[in-house]
Protein backbone atom coordinates (compact mmCIF):
# COMPACT_ATOMS: atom_id res chain seq x y z
CA UNK A 1 -18.43 12.41 -12.13
CA UNK A 2 -19.68 10.44 -9.01
CA UNK A 3 -18.16 7.94 -6.73
CA UNK A 4 -19.33 4.16 -6.57
CA UNK A 5 -21.16 3.53 -2.93
CA UNK A 6 -18.59 1.33 -1.13
CA UNK A 7 -19.72 -1.68 1.03
CA UNK A 8 -19.49 -1.43 4.80
CA UNK A 9 -16.42 -3.89 4.66
CA UNK A 10 -14.97 -1.57 1.93
CA UNK A 11 -15.44 2.15 3.79
CA UNK A 12 -13.43 0.06 6.74
CA UNK A 13 -10.78 -0.45 4.61
CA UNK A 14 -10.70 3.21 3.49
CA UNK A 15 -10.71 4.34 6.76
CA UNK A 16 -7.64 2.25 7.47
CA UNK A 17 -5.85 3.42 4.74
CA UNK A 18 -6.80 7.26 5.56
CA UNK A 19 -5.83 6.90 9.63
CA UNK A 20 -2.44 8.69 11.16
CA UNK A 21 -0.39 7.55 12.57
CA UNK A 22 -0.48 5.07 9.53
CA UNK A 23 -1.58 1.23 11.07
CA UNK A 24 1.06 -0.66 9.98
CA UNK A 25 -1.53 -3.51 9.24
CA UNK A 26 -4.12 -3.04 6.04
CA UNK A 27 -3.92 -5.99 4.76
CA UNK A 28 -3.69 -6.08 0.30
CA UNK A 29 -6.50 -8.25 -0.46
CA UNK A 30 -8.93 -6.17 1.43
CA UNK A 31 -6.76 -3.62 -0.61
CA UNK A 32 -7.22 -4.58 -3.61
CA UNK A 33 -11.16 -5.37 -2.93
CA UNK A 34 -11.24 -1.90 -2.28
CA UNK A 35 -9.90 -0.60 -5.25
CA UNK A 36 -11.91 -3.48 -7.65
CA UNK A 37 -15.13 -1.72 -6.07
CA UNK A 38 -14.23 1.84 -6.55
CA UNK A 39 -12.47 1.59 -9.80
CA UNK A 40 -10.80 -0.81 -12.67
CA UNK A 41 -8.22 -2.80 -11.34
CA UNK A 42 -6.42 -5.19 -14.73
CA UNK A 43 -3.58 -7.31 -13.76
CA UNK A 44 -0.70 -7.31 -15.88
CA UNK A 45 1.36 -10.34 -16.96
CA UNK A 46 4.42 -9.21 -14.85
CA UNK A 47 2.32 -9.77 -11.65
CA UNK A 48 1.81 -6.02 -11.60
CA UNK A 49 -2.17 -4.24 -11.10
CA UNK A 50 -2.62 -1.46 -13.25
CA UNK A 51 -5.15 0.27 -11.28
CA UNK A 52 -8.02 3.48 -12.91
CA UNK A 53 -9.48 5.31 -10.41
CA UNK A 54 -10.98 8.92 -11.63
CA UNK A 55 -8.81 9.66 -13.90
CA UNK A 56 -5.76 9.27 -12.52
CA UNK A 57 -3.89 5.23 -13.11
CA UNK A 58 -1.45 4.18 -11.78
CA UNK A 59 0.71 0.37 -11.93
CA UNK A 60 1.34 -1.13 -8.79
CA UNK A 61 3.80 -3.92 -7.43
CA UNK A 62 1.62 -5.82 -5.04
CA UNK A 63 3.14 -6.12 -1.73
CA UNK A 64 5.04 -9.70 -1.28
CA UNK A 65 3.80 -10.07 2.46
CA UNK A 66 0.12 -9.65 3.53
CA UNK A 67 0.34 -5.90 4.60
CA UNK A 68 0.71 -2.88 2.13
CA UNK A 69 3.55 -0.85 3.43
CA UNK A 70 3.53 2.94 3.97
CA UNK A 71 5.50 4.14 0.74
CA UNK A 72 2.11 2.38 -0.68
CA UNK A 73 -0.78 3.73 1.50
CA UNK A 74 0.90 6.88 0.60
CA UNK A 75 0.36 6.12 -3.06
CA UNK A 76 -2.97 4.63 -2.16
CA UNK A 77 -4.35 8.32 0.04
CA UNK A 78 -3.02 10.33 -3.13
CA UNK A 79 -4.93 8.25 -5.91
CA UNK A 80 -8.58 7.57 -3.44
CA UNK A 81 -9.14 11.59 -2.53
CA UNK A 82 -7.74 12.26 -6.28
CA UNK A 83 -11.31 9.94 -6.96
CA UNK A 84 -13.24 12.19 -4.16
CA UNK A 85 -12.57 8.30 -2.05
CA UNK A 86 -11.01 10.82 0.87
CA UNK A 87 -11.62 10.20 5.03
CA UNK A 88 -15.12 11.16 5.91
C-alpha cells in the first residue's frame, strides 16, 4: 500500500523526528498535524489519541508541554517507519 504524499512542512517534521541525535524541540502540534496527514487520528474522551498508521494502531498520551519527549520520538520512529515514512 502506498503512503499518502506529505507536504514540505510535514516532511520537515518527519526529518526532525528521525534526526539523530534527537532534537529536543519537536513541536507536538506539528507532530499531530503530520500524524493526521499520514494516517488516522481519533481523539478519545480521555484526551488520548488513537493513531493508526498503516496496519498499526497506538494510543498516544499527548505531551503536557509544547515538545514531545524522547520516548514518544522512539515510538513515532517505529510507527512511521513501519508505515513507510522512514528517513529519506
